[in-house]
Amino acid sequence: RSLYFSTRVDKLAALHPEVEVLHELG
C-alpha cells in the first residue's frame, strides 16, 4: 500500500516561500 514521507521543511520552504505553514513547522 502507498506510503510517503515529507521533504525537509527548510528545502520545501525555499521552493514555496508563499506557503505560510511551512515557516511555522520548523
mmCIF file of all heavy atoms, coordinates in Angstrom:
data_MODEL
# 
_entry.id   MODEL 
# 
loop_
_atom_site.group_PDB 
_atom_site.id 
_atom_site.type_symbol 
_atom_site.label_atom_id 
_atom_site.label_alt_id 
_atom_site.label_comp_id 
_atom_site.label_asym_id 
_atom_site.label_entity_id 
_atom_site.label_seq_id 
_atom_site.pdbx_PDB_ins_code 
_atom_site.Cartn_x 
_atom_site.Cartn_y 
_atom_site.Cartn_z 
_atom_site.occupancy 
_atom_site.B_iso_or_equiv 
_atom_site.pdbx_formal_charge 
_atom_site.auth_seq_id 
_atom_site.auth_comp_id 
_atom_site.auth_asym_id 
_atom_site.auth_atom_id 
_atom_site.pdbx_PDB_model_num 
ATOM 1   N N   . ARG A 1 1  ? 0.844  -1.205 0.000  1.00 0.00 ? 1  ARG A N   1 
ATOM 2   C CA  . ARG A 1 1  ? 0.000  0.000  0.000  1.00 0.00 ? 1  ARG A CA  1 
ATOM 3   C C   . ARG A 1 1  ? 0.873  1.248  0.000  1.00 0.00 ? 1  ARG A C   1 
ATOM 4   O O   . ARG A 1 1  ? 2.025  1.238  0.423  1.00 0.00 ? 1  ARG A O   1 
ATOM 5   C CB  . ARG A 1 1  ? -0.927 0.001  1.221  1.00 0.00 ? 1  ARG A CB  1 
ATOM 6   C CG  . ARG A 1 1  ? -1.855 -1.193 1.301  1.00 0.00 ? 1  ARG A CG  1 
ATOM 7   C CD  . ARG A 1 1  ? -2.751 -1.295 0.093  1.00 0.00 ? 1  ARG A CD  1 
ATOM 8   N NE  . ARG A 1 1  ? -3.627 -2.456 0.182  1.00 0.00 ? 1  ARG A NE  1 
ATOM 9   C CZ  . ARG A 1 1  ? -4.275 -2.997 -0.840 1.00 0.00 ? 1  ARG A CZ  1 
ATOM 10  N NH1 . ARG A 1 1  ? -4.130 -2.499 -2.056 1.00 0.00 ? 1  ARG A NH1 1 
ATOM 11  N NH2 . ARG A 1 1  ? -5.052 -4.051 -0.667 1.00 0.00 ? 1  ARG A NH2 1 
ATOM 12  N N   . SER A 1 2  ? 0.286  2.341  -0.448 1.00 0.00 ? 2  SER A N   1 
ATOM 13  C CA  . SER A 1 2  ? 1.037  3.588  -0.635 1.00 0.00 ? 2  SER A CA  1 
ATOM 14  C C   . SER A 1 2  ? 1.554  4.140  0.689  1.00 0.00 ? 2  SER A C   1 
ATOM 15  O O   . SER A 1 2  ? 0.924  4.005  1.738  1.00 0.00 ? 2  SER A O   1 
ATOM 16  C CB  . SER A 1 2  ? 0.151  4.636  -1.316 1.00 0.00 ? 2  SER A CB  1 
ATOM 17  O OG  . SER A 1 2  ? -1.007 4.894  -0.544 1.00 0.00 ? 2  SER A OG  1 
ATOM 18  N N   . LEU A 1 3  ? 2.739  4.769  0.619  1.00 0.00 ? 3  LEU A N   1 
ATOM 19  C CA  . LEU A 1 3  ? 3.337  5.407  1.786  1.00 0.00 ? 3  LEU A CA  1 
ATOM 20  C C   . LEU A 1 3  ? 4.321  6.474  1.309  1.00 0.00 ? 3  LEU A C   1 
ATOM 21  O O   . LEU A 1 3  ? 5.105  6.231  0.383  1.00 0.00 ? 3  LEU A O   1 
ATOM 22  C CB  . LEU A 1 3  ? 4.057  4.385  2.659  1.00 0.00 ? 3  LEU A CB  1 
ATOM 23  C CG  . LEU A 1 3  ? 4.505  4.879  4.041  1.00 0.00 ? 3  LEU A CG  1 
ATOM 24  C CD1 . LEU A 1 3  ? 3.296  5.243  4.896  1.00 0.00 ? 3  LEU A CD1 1 
ATOM 25  C CD2 . LEU A 1 3  ? 5.348  3.829  4.760  1.00 0.00 ? 3  LEU A CD2 1 
ATOM 26  N N   . TYR A 1 4  ? 4.278  7.638  1.959  1.00 0.00 ? 4  TYR A N   1 
ATOM 27  C CA  . TYR A 1 4  ? 5.101  8.783  1.558  1.00 0.00 ? 4  TYR A CA  1 
ATOM 28  C C   . TYR A 1 4  ? 5.721  9.436  2.782  1.00 0.00 ? 4  TYR A C   1 
ATOM 29  O O   . TYR A 1 4  ? 5.151  9.407  3.884  1.00 0.00 ? 4  TYR A O   1 
ATOM 30  C CB  . TYR A 1 4  ? 4.239  9.831  0.828  1.00 0.00 ? 4  TYR A CB  1 
ATOM 31  C CG  . TYR A 1 4  ? 3.690  9.353  -0.488 1.00 0.00 ? 4  TYR A CG  1 
ATOM 32  C CD1 . TYR A 1 4  ? 2.531  8.585  -0.532 1.00 0.00 ? 4  TYR A CD1 1 
ATOM 33  C CD2 . TYR A 1 4  ? 4.331  9.655  -1.690 1.00 0.00 ? 4  TYR A CD2 1 
ATOM 34  C CE1 . TYR A 1 4  ? 2.014  8.130  -1.738 1.00 0.00 ? 4  TYR A CE1 1 
ATOM 35  C CE2 . TYR A 1 4  ? 3.823  9.211  -2.901 1.00 0.00 ? 4  TYR A CE2 1 
ATOM 36  C CZ  . TYR A 1 4  ? 2.671  8.448  -2.918 1.00 0.00 ? 4  TYR A CZ  1 
ATOM 37  O OH  . TYR A 1 4  ? 2.177  7.998  -4.123 1.00 0.00 ? 4  TYR A OH  1 
ATOM 38  N N   . PHE A 1 5  ? 6.892  10.042 2.586  1.00 0.00 ? 5  PHE A N   1 
ATOM 39  C CA  . PHE A 1 5  ? 7.486  10.872 3.623  1.00 0.00 ? 5  PHE A CA  1 
ATOM 40  C C   . PHE A 1 5  ? 7.726  12.270 3.054  1.00 0.00 ? 5  PHE A C   1 
ATOM 41  O O   . PHE A 1 5  ? 7.894  12.443 1.843  1.00 0.00 ? 5  PHE A O   1 
ATOM 42  C CB  . PHE A 1 5  ? 8.786  10.262 4.162  1.00 0.00 ? 5  PHE A CB  1 
ATOM 43  C CG  . PHE A 1 5  ? 9.919  10.186 3.159  1.00 0.00 ? 5  PHE A CG  1 
ATOM 44  C CD1 . PHE A 1 5  ? 10.874 11.198 3.090  1.00 0.00 ? 5  PHE A CD1 1 
ATOM 45  C CD2 . PHE A 1 5  ? 10.042 9.103  2.303  1.00 0.00 ? 5  PHE A CD2 1 
ATOM 46  C CE1 . PHE A 1 5  ? 11.921 11.124 2.179  1.00 0.00 ? 5  PHE A CE1 1 
ATOM 47  C CE2 . PHE A 1 5  ? 11.090 9.022  1.389  1.00 0.00 ? 5  PHE A CE2 1 
ATOM 48  C CZ  . PHE A 1 5  ? 12.030 10.037 1.330  1.00 0.00 ? 5  PHE A CZ  1 
ATOM 49  N N   . SER A 1 6  ? 7.747  13.237 3.950  1.00 0.00 ? 6  SER A N   1 
ATOM 50  C CA  . SER A 1 6  ? 7.848  14.632 3.518  1.00 0.00 ? 6  SER A CA  1 
ATOM 51  C C   . SER A 1 6  ? 9.298  15.038 3.276  1.00 0.00 ? 6  SER A C   1 
ATOM 52  O O   . SER A 1 6  ? 10.229 14.550 3.928  1.00 0.00 ? 6  SER A O   1 
ATOM 53  C CB  . SER A 1 6  ? 7.225  15.561 4.562  1.00 0.00 ? 6  SER A CB  1 
ATOM 54  O OG  . SER A 1 6  ? 7.893  15.435 5.811  1.00 0.00 ? 6  SER A OG  1 
ATOM 55  N N   . THR A 1 7  ? 9.473  15.952 2.342  1.00 0.00 ? 7  THR A N   1 
ATOM 56  C CA  . THR A 1 7  ? 10.766 16.587 2.101  1.00 0.00 ? 7  THR A CA  1 
ATOM 57  C C   . THR A 1 7  ? 11.126 17.475 3.295  1.00 0.00 ? 7  THR A C   1 
ATOM 58  O O   . THR A 1 7  ? 10.239 17.981 3.997  1.00 0.00 ? 7  THR A O   1 
ATOM 59  C CB  . THR A 1 7  ? 10.684 17.433 0.815  1.00 0.00 ? 7  THR A CB  1 
ATOM 60  O OG1 . THR A 1 7  ? 10.391 16.556 -0.280 1.00 0.00 ? 7  THR A OG1 1 
ATOM 61  C CG2 . THR A 1 7  ? 11.972 18.173 0.534  1.00 0.00 ? 7  THR A CG2 1 
ATOM 62  N N   . ARG A 1 8  ? 12.400 17.645 3.549  1.00 0.00 ? 8  ARG A N   1 
ATOM 63  C CA  . ARG A 1 8  ? 12.830 18.543 4.625  1.00 0.00 ? 8  ARG A CA  1 
ATOM 64  C C   . ARG A 1 8  ? 12.146 19.897 4.476  1.00 0.00 ? 8  ARG A C   1 
ATOM 65  O O   . ARG A 1 8  ? 12.080 20.474 3.381  1.00 0.00 ? 8  ARG A O   1 
ATOM 66  C CB  . ARG A 1 8  ? 14.340 18.738 4.601  1.00 0.00 ? 8  ARG A CB  1 
ATOM 67  C CG  . ARG A 1 8  ? 15.142 17.603 5.215  1.00 0.00 ? 8  ARG A CG  1 
ATOM 68  C CD  . ARG A 1 8  ? 16.636 17.896 5.108  1.00 0.00 ? 8  ARG A CD  1 
ATOM 69  N NE  . ARG A 1 8  ? 16.956 19.192 5.696  1.00 0.00 ? 8  ARG A NE  1 
ATOM 70  C CZ  . ARG A 1 8  ? 17.449 19.360 6.926  1.00 0.00 ? 8  ARG A CZ  1 
ATOM 71  N NH1 . ARG A 1 8  ? 17.659 18.317 7.685  1.00 0.00 ? 8  ARG A NH1 1 
ATOM 72  N NH2 . ARG A 1 8  ? 17.736 20.562 7.373  1.00 0.00 ? 8  ARG A NH2 1 
ATOM 73  N N   . VAL A 1 9  ? 11.638 20.394 5.588  1.00 0.00 ? 9  VAL A N   1 
ATOM 74  C CA  . VAL A 1 9  ? 10.831 21.607 5.544  1.00 0.00 ? 9  VAL A CA  1 
ATOM 75  C C   . VAL A 1 9  ? 11.636 22.812 5.073  1.00 0.00 ? 9  VAL A C   1 
ATOM 76  O O   . VAL A 1 9  ? 11.119 23.663 4.332  1.00 0.00 ? 9  VAL A O   1 
ATOM 77  C CB  . VAL A 1 9  ? 10.199 21.876 6.927  1.00 0.00 ? 9  VAL A CB  1 
ATOM 78  C CG1 . VAL A 1 9  ? 9.541  23.251 6.964  1.00 0.00 ? 9  VAL A CG1 1 
ATOM 79  C CG2 . VAL A 1 9  ? 9.174  20.791 7.242  1.00 0.00 ? 9  VAL A CG2 1 
ATOM 80  N N   . ASP A 1 10 ? 12.924 22.918 5.452  1.00 0.00 ? 10 ASP A N   1 
ATOM 81  C CA  . ASP A 1 10 ? 13.694 24.075 5.014  1.00 0.00 ? 10 ASP A CA  1 
ATOM 82  C C   . ASP A 1 10 ? 13.859 24.085 3.495  1.00 0.00 ? 10 ASP A C   1 
ATOM 83  O O   . ASP A 1 10 ? 13.775 25.140 2.846  1.00 0.00 ? 10 ASP A O   1 
ATOM 84  C CB  . ASP A 1 10 ? 15.052 24.130 5.724  1.00 0.00 ? 10 ASP A CB  1 
ATOM 85  C CG  . ASP A 1 10 ? 15.852 22.845 5.594  1.00 0.00 ? 10 ASP A CG  1 
ATOM 86  O OD1 . ASP A 1 10 ? 15.279 21.819 5.153  1.00 0.00 ? 10 ASP A OD1 1 
ATOM 87  O OD2 . ASP A 1 10 ? 17.050 22.854 5.937  1.00 0.00 ? 10 ASP A OD2 1 
ATOM 88  N N   . LYS A 1 11 ? 14.070 22.912 2.899  1.00 0.00 ? 11 LYS A N   1 
ATOM 89  C CA  . LYS A 1 11 ? 14.161 22.831 1.437  1.00 0.00 ? 11 LYS A CA  1 
ATOM 90  C C   . LYS A 1 11 ? 12.833 23.152 0.785  1.00 0.00 ? 11 LYS A C   1 
ATOM 91  O O   . LYS A 1 11 ? 12.770 23.834 -0.248 1.00 0.00 ? 11 LYS A O   1 
ATOM 92  C CB  . LYS A 1 11 ? 14.633 21.437 1.022  1.00 0.00 ? 11 LYS A CB  1 
ATOM 93  C CG  . LYS A 1 11 ? 16.045 21.097 1.454  1.00 0.00 ? 11 LYS A CG  1 
ATOM 94  C CD  . LYS A 1 11 ? 16.439 19.707 0.975  1.00 0.00 ? 11 LYS A CD  1 
ATOM 95  C CE  . LYS A 1 11 ? 17.868 19.373 1.385  1.00 0.00 ? 11 LYS A CE  1 
ATOM 96  N NZ  . LYS A 1 11 ? 18.259 17.997 0.949  1.00 0.00 ? 11 LYS A NZ  1 
ATOM 97  N N   . LEU A 1 12 ? 11.760 22.675 1.381  1.00 0.00 ? 12 LEU A N   1 
ATOM 98  C CA  . LEU A 1 12 ? 10.438 22.906 0.822  1.00 0.00 ? 12 LEU A CA  1 
ATOM 99  C C   . LEU A 1 12 ? 10.028 24.376 0.931  1.00 0.00 ? 12 LEU A C   1 
ATOM 100 O O   . LEU A 1 12 ? 9.426  24.943 0.020  1.00 0.00 ? 12 LEU A O   1 
ATOM 101 C CB  . LEU A 1 12 ? 9.421  22.024 1.537  1.00 0.00 ? 12 LEU A CB  1 
ATOM 102 C CG  . LEU A 1 12 ? 8.117  21.724 0.808  1.00 0.00 ? 12 LEU A CG  1 
ATOM 103 C CD1 . LEU A 1 12 ? 8.352  21.169 -0.580 1.00 0.00 ? 12 LEU A CD1 1 
ATOM 104 C CD2 . LEU A 1 12 ? 7.273  20.782 1.647  1.00 0.00 ? 12 LEU A CD2 1 
ATOM 105 N N   . ALA A 1 13 ? 10.381 25.011 2.051  1.00 0.00 ? 13 ALA A N   1 
ATOM 106 C CA  . ALA A 1 13 ? 10.076 26.429 2.220  1.00 0.00 ? 13 ALA A CA  1 
ATOM 107 C C   . ALA A 1 13 ? 10.819 27.286 1.206  1.00 0.00 ? 13 ALA A C   1 
ATOM 108 O O   . ALA A 1 13 ? 10.301 28.305 0.743  1.00 0.00 ? 13 ALA A O   1 
ATOM 109 C CB  . ALA A 1 13 ? 10.419 26.866 3.647  1.00 0.00 ? 13 ALA A CB  1 
ATOM 110 N N   . ALA A 1 14 ? 12.022 26.862 0.841  1.00 0.00 ? 14 ALA A N   1 
ATOM 111 C CA  . ALA A 1 14 ? 12.769 27.596 -0.192 1.00 0.00 ? 14 ALA A CA  1 
ATOM 112 C C   . ALA A 1 14 ? 12.101 27.465 -1.557 1.00 0.00 ? 14 ALA A C   1 
ATOM 113 O O   . ALA A 1 14 ? 12.120 28.403 -2.359 1.00 0.00 ? 14 ALA A O   1 
ATOM 114 C CB  . ALA A 1 14 ? 14.201 27.080 -0.253 1.00 0.00 ? 14 ALA A CB  1 
ATOM 115 N N   . LEU A 1 15 ? 11.502 26.297 -1.811 1.00 0.00 ? 15 LEU A N   1 
ATOM 116 C CA  . LEU A 1 15 ? 10.787 26.090 -3.072 1.00 0.00 ? 15 LEU A CA  1 
ATOM 117 C C   . LEU A 1 15 ? 9.454  26.821 -3.114 1.00 0.00 ? 15 LEU A C   1 
ATOM 118 O O   . LEU A 1 15 ? 9.011  27.259 -4.175 1.00 0.00 ? 15 LEU A O   1 
ATOM 119 C CB  . LEU A 1 15 ? 10.539 24.589 -3.288 1.00 0.00 ? 15 LEU A CB  1 
ATOM 120 C CG  . LEU A 1 15 ? 11.727 23.708 -3.661 1.00 0.00 ? 15 LEU A CG  1 
ATOM 121 C CD1 . LEU A 1 15 ? 11.316 22.243 -3.653 1.00 0.00 ? 15 LEU A CD1 1 
ATOM 122 C CD2 . LEU A 1 15 ? 12.269 24.098 -5.035 1.00 0.00 ? 15 LEU A CD2 1 
ATOM 123 N N   . HIS A 1 16 ? 8.813  26.937 -1.943 1.00 0.00 ? 16 HIS A N   1 
ATOM 124 C CA  . HIS A 1 16 ? 7.461  27.510 -1.870 1.00 0.00 ? 16 HIS A CA  1 
ATOM 125 C C   . HIS A 1 16 ? 7.392  28.551 -0.752 1.00 0.00 ? 16 HIS A C   1 
ATOM 126 O O   . HIS A 1 16 ? 6.735  28.344 0.274  1.00 0.00 ? 16 HIS A O   1 
ATOM 127 C CB  . HIS A 1 16 ? 6.429  26.410 -1.620 1.00 0.00 ? 16 HIS A CB  1 
ATOM 128 C CG  . HIS A 1 16 ? 6.399  25.358 -2.674 1.00 0.00 ? 16 HIS A CG  1 
ATOM 129 N ND1 . HIS A 1 16 ? 5.752  25.519 -3.874 1.00 0.00 ? 16 HIS A ND1 1 
ATOM 130 C CD2 . HIS A 1 16 ? 6.958  24.114 -2.706 1.00 0.00 ? 16 HIS A CD2 1 
ATOM 131 C CE1 . HIS A 1 16 ? 5.890  24.427 -4.613 1.00 0.00 ? 16 HIS A CE1 1 
ATOM 132 N NE2 . HIS A 1 16 ? 6.624  23.571 -3.930 1.00 0.00 ? 16 HIS A NE2 1 
ATOM 133 N N   . PRO A 1 17 ? 8.067  29.678 -0.915 1.00 0.00 ? 17 PRO A N   1 
ATOM 134 C CA  . PRO A 1 17 ? 8.058  30.700 0.152  1.00 0.00 ? 17 PRO A CA  1 
ATOM 135 C C   . PRO A 1 17 ? 6.678  31.274 0.420  1.00 0.00 ? 17 PRO A C   1 
ATOM 136 O O   . PRO A 1 17 ? 6.447  31.857 1.487  1.00 0.00 ? 17 PRO A O   1 
ATOM 137 C CB  . PRO A 1 17 ? 9.019  31.770 -0.395 1.00 0.00 ? 17 PRO A CB  1 
ATOM 138 C CG  . PRO A 1 17 ? 9.033  31.562 -1.873 1.00 0.00 ? 17 PRO A CG  1 
ATOM 139 C CD  . PRO A 1 17 ? 8.864  30.088 -2.078 1.00 0.00 ? 17 PRO A CD  1 
ATOM 140 N N   . GLU A 1 18 ? 5.754  31.093 -0.512 1.00 0.00 ? 18 GLU A N   1 
ATOM 141 C CA  . GLU A 1 18 ? 4.407  31.644 -0.344 1.00 0.00 ? 18 GLU A CA  1 
ATOM 142 C C   . GLU A 1 18 ? 3.530  30.809 0.590  1.00 0.00 ? 18 GLU A C   1 
ATOM 143 O O   . GLU A 1 18 ? 2.465  31.258 1.033  1.00 0.00 ? 18 GLU A O   1 
ATOM 144 C CB  . GLU A 1 18 ? 3.720  31.758 -1.718 1.00 0.00 ? 18 GLU A CB  1 
ATOM 145 C CG  . GLU A 1 18 ? 3.208  30.450 -2.319 1.00 0.00 ? 18 GLU A CG  1 
ATOM 146 C CD  . GLU A 1 18 ? 4.308  29.553 -2.892 1.00 0.00 ? 18 GLU A CD  1 
ATOM 147 O OE1 . GLU A 1 18 ? 5.497  29.957 -2.863 1.00 0.00 ? 18 GLU A OE1 1 
ATOM 148 O OE2 . GLU A 1 18 ? 3.980  28.453 -3.360 1.00 0.00 ? 18 GLU A OE2 1 
ATOM 149 N N   . VAL A 1 19 ? 3.960  29.586 0.921  1.00 0.00 ? 19 VAL A N   1 
ATOM 150 C CA  . VAL A 1 19 ? 3.153  28.698 1.769  1.00 0.00 ? 19 VAL A CA  1 
ATOM 151 C C   . VAL A 1 19 ? 3.506  28.966 3.232  1.00 0.00 ? 19 VAL A C   1 
ATOM 152 O O   . VAL A 1 19 ? 4.539  28.524 3.738  1.00 0.00 ? 19 VAL A O   1 
ATOM 153 C CB  . VAL A 1 19 ? 3.388  27.223 1.400  1.00 0.00 ? 19 VAL A CB  1 
ATOM 154 C CG1 . VAL A 1 19 ? 2.526  26.314 2.280  1.00 0.00 ? 19 VAL A CG1 1 
ATOM 155 C CG2 . VAL A 1 19 ? 3.074  26.983 -0.080 1.00 0.00 ? 19 VAL A CG2 1 
ATOM 156 N N   . GLU A 1 20 ? 2.649  29.698 3.922  1.00 0.00 ? 20 GLU A N   1 
ATOM 157 C CA  . GLU A 1 20 ? 2.948  30.190 5.264  1.00 0.00 ? 20 GLU A CA  1 
ATOM 158 C C   . GLU A 1 20 ? 3.185  29.063 6.274  1.00 0.00 ? 20 GLU A C   1 
ATOM 159 O O   . GLU A 1 20 ? 4.056  29.165 7.143  1.00 0.00 ? 20 GLU A O   1 
ATOM 160 C CB  . GLU A 1 20 ? 1.811  31.085 5.755  1.00 0.00 ? 20 GLU A CB  1 
ATOM 161 C CG  . GLU A 1 20 ? 1.669  32.392 4.966  1.00 0.00 ? 20 GLU A CG  1 
ATOM 162 C CD  . GLU A 1 20 ? 0.552  33.256 5.527  1.00 0.00 ? 20 GLU A CD  1 
ATOM 163 O OE1 . GLU A 1 20 ? -0.003 32.888 6.582  1.00 0.00 ? 20 GLU A OE1 1 
ATOM 164 O OE2 . GLU A 1 20 ? 0.243  34.289 4.904  1.00 0.00 ? 20 GLU A OE2 1 
ATOM 165 N N   . VAL A 1 21 ? 2.426  27.982 6.157  1.00 0.00 ? 21 VAL A N   1 
ATOM 166 C CA  . VAL A 1 21 ? 2.519  26.923 7.163  1.00 0.00 ? 21 VAL A CA  1 
ATOM 167 C C   . VAL A 1 21 ? 3.918  26.306 7.209  1.00 0.00 ? 21 VAL A C   1 
ATOM 168 O O   . VAL A 1 21 ? 4.370  25.850 8.263  1.00 0.00 ? 21 VAL A O   1 
ATOM 169 C CB  . VAL A 1 21 ? 1.460  25.831 6.903  1.00 0.00 ? 21 VAL A CB  1 
ATOM 170 C CG1 . VAL A 1 21 ? 1.747  25.072 5.607  1.00 0.00 ? 21 VAL A CG1 1 
ATOM 171 C CG2 . VAL A 1 21 ? 1.365  24.876 8.085  1.00 0.00 ? 21 VAL A CG2 1 
ATOM 172 N N   . LEU A 1 22 ? 4.638  26.346 6.101  1.00 0.00 ? 22 LEU A N   1 
ATOM 173 C CA  . LEU A 1 22 ? 5.979  25.769 6.072  1.00 0.00 ? 22 LEU A CA  1 
ATOM 174 C C   . LEU A 1 22 ? 6.940  26.520 6.983  1.00 0.00 ? 22 LEU A C   1 
ATOM 175 O O   . LEU A 1 22 ? 7.899  25.947 7.497  1.00 0.00 ? 22 LEU A O   1 
ATOM 176 C CB  . LEU A 1 22 ? 6.519  25.757 4.640  1.00 0.00 ? 22 LEU A CB  1 
ATOM 177 C CG  . LEU A 1 22 ? 5.749  24.890 3.649  1.00 0.00 ? 22 LEU A CG  1 
ATOM 178 C CD1 . LEU A 1 22 ? 6.334  25.037 2.253  1.00 0.00 ? 22 LEU A CD1 1 
ATOM 179 C CD2 . LEU A 1 22 ? 5.762  23.425 4.070  1.00 0.00 ? 22 LEU A CD2 1 
ATOM 180 N N   . HIS A 1 23 ? 6.682  27.798 7.194  1.00 0.00 ? 23 HIS A N   1 
ATOM 181 C CA  . HIS A 1 23 ? 7.544  28.612 8.054  1.00 0.00 ? 23 HIS A CA  1 
ATOM 182 C C   . HIS A 1 23 ? 7.181  28.448 9.531  1.00 0.00 ? 23 HIS A C   1 
ATOM 183 O O   . HIS A 1 23 ? 7.917  28.888 10.411 1.00 0.00 ? 23 HIS A O   1 
ATOM 184 C CB  . HIS A 1 23 ? 7.458  30.080 7.632  1.00 0.00 ? 23 HIS A CB  1 
ATOM 185 C CG  . HIS A 1 23 ? 7.826  30.294 6.188  1.00 0.00 ? 23 HIS A CG  1 
ATOM 186 N ND1 . HIS A 1 23 ? 9.127  30.321 5.745  1.00 0.00 ? 23 HIS A ND1 1 
ATOM 187 C CD2 . HIS A 1 23 ? 7.046  30.459 5.093  1.00 0.00 ? 23 HIS A CD2 1 
ATOM 188 C CE1 . HIS A 1 23 ? 9.145  30.513 4.439  1.00 0.00 ? 23 HIS A CE1 1 
ATOM 189 N NE2 . HIS A 1 23 ? 7.900  30.592 4.010  1.00 0.00 ? 23 HIS A NE2 1 
ATOM 190 N N   . GLU A 1 24 ? 6.040  27.813 9.791  1.00 0.00 ? 24 GLU A N   1 
ATOM 191 C CA  . GLU A 1 24 ? 5.598  27.590 11.167 1.00 0.00 ? 24 GLU A CA  1 
ATOM 192 C C   . GLU A 1 24 ? 6.074  26.245 11.716 1.00 0.00 ? 24 GLU A C   1 
ATOM 193 O O   . GLU A 1 24 ? 6.148  26.060 12.932 1.00 0.00 ? 24 GLU A O   1 
ATOM 194 C CB  . GLU A 1 24 ? 4.065  27.628 11.232 1.00 0.00 ? 24 GLU A CB  1 
ATOM 195 C CG  . GLU A 1 24 ? 3.445  28.947 10.761 1.00 0.00 ? 24 GLU A CG  1 
ATOM 196 C CD  . GLU A 1 24 ? 1.937  28.842 10.629 1.00 0.00 ? 24 GLU A CD  1 
ATOM 197 O OE1 . GLU A 1 24 ? 1.377  27.793 11.025 1.00 0.00 ? 24 GLU A OE1 1 
ATOM 198 O OE2 . GLU A 1 24 ? 1.314  29.793 10.110 1.00 0.00 ? 24 GLU A OE2 1 
ATOM 199 N N   . LEU A 1 25 ? 6.411  25.309 10.841 1.00 0.00 ? 25 LEU A N   1 
ATOM 200 C CA  . LEU A 1 25 ? 6.666  23.939 11.270 1.00 0.00 ? 25 LEU A CA  1 
ATOM 201 C C   . LEU A 1 25 ? 8.032  23.740 11.904 1.00 0.00 ? 25 LEU A C   1 
ATOM 202 O O   . LEU A 1 25 ? 8.202  22.894 12.774 1.00 0.00 ? 25 LEU A O   1 
ATOM 203 C CB  . LEU A 1 25 ? 6.507  22.984 10.081 1.00 0.00 ? 25 LEU A CB  1 
ATOM 204 C CG  . LEU A 1 25 ? 5.093  22.824 9.537  1.00 0.00 ? 25 LEU A CG  1 
ATOM 205 C CD1 . LEU A 1 25 ? 5.113  21.955 8.282  1.00 0.00 ? 25 LEU A CD1 1 
ATOM 206 C CD2 . LEU A 1 25 ? 4.181  22.205 10.588 1.00 0.00 ? 25 LEU A CD2 1 
ATOM 207 N N   . GLY A 1 26 ? 9.044  24.458 11.455 1.00 0.00 ? 26 GLY A N   1 
ATOM 208 C CA  . GLY A 1 26 ? 10.394 24.241 11.960 1.00 0.00 ? 26 GLY A CA  1 
ATOM 209 C C   . GLY A 1 26 ? 11.129 23.210 11.128 1.00 0.00 ? 26 GLY A C   1 
ATOM 210 O O   . GLY A 1 26 ? 10.526 22.340 10.488 1.00 0.00 ? 26 GLY A O   1 
# 
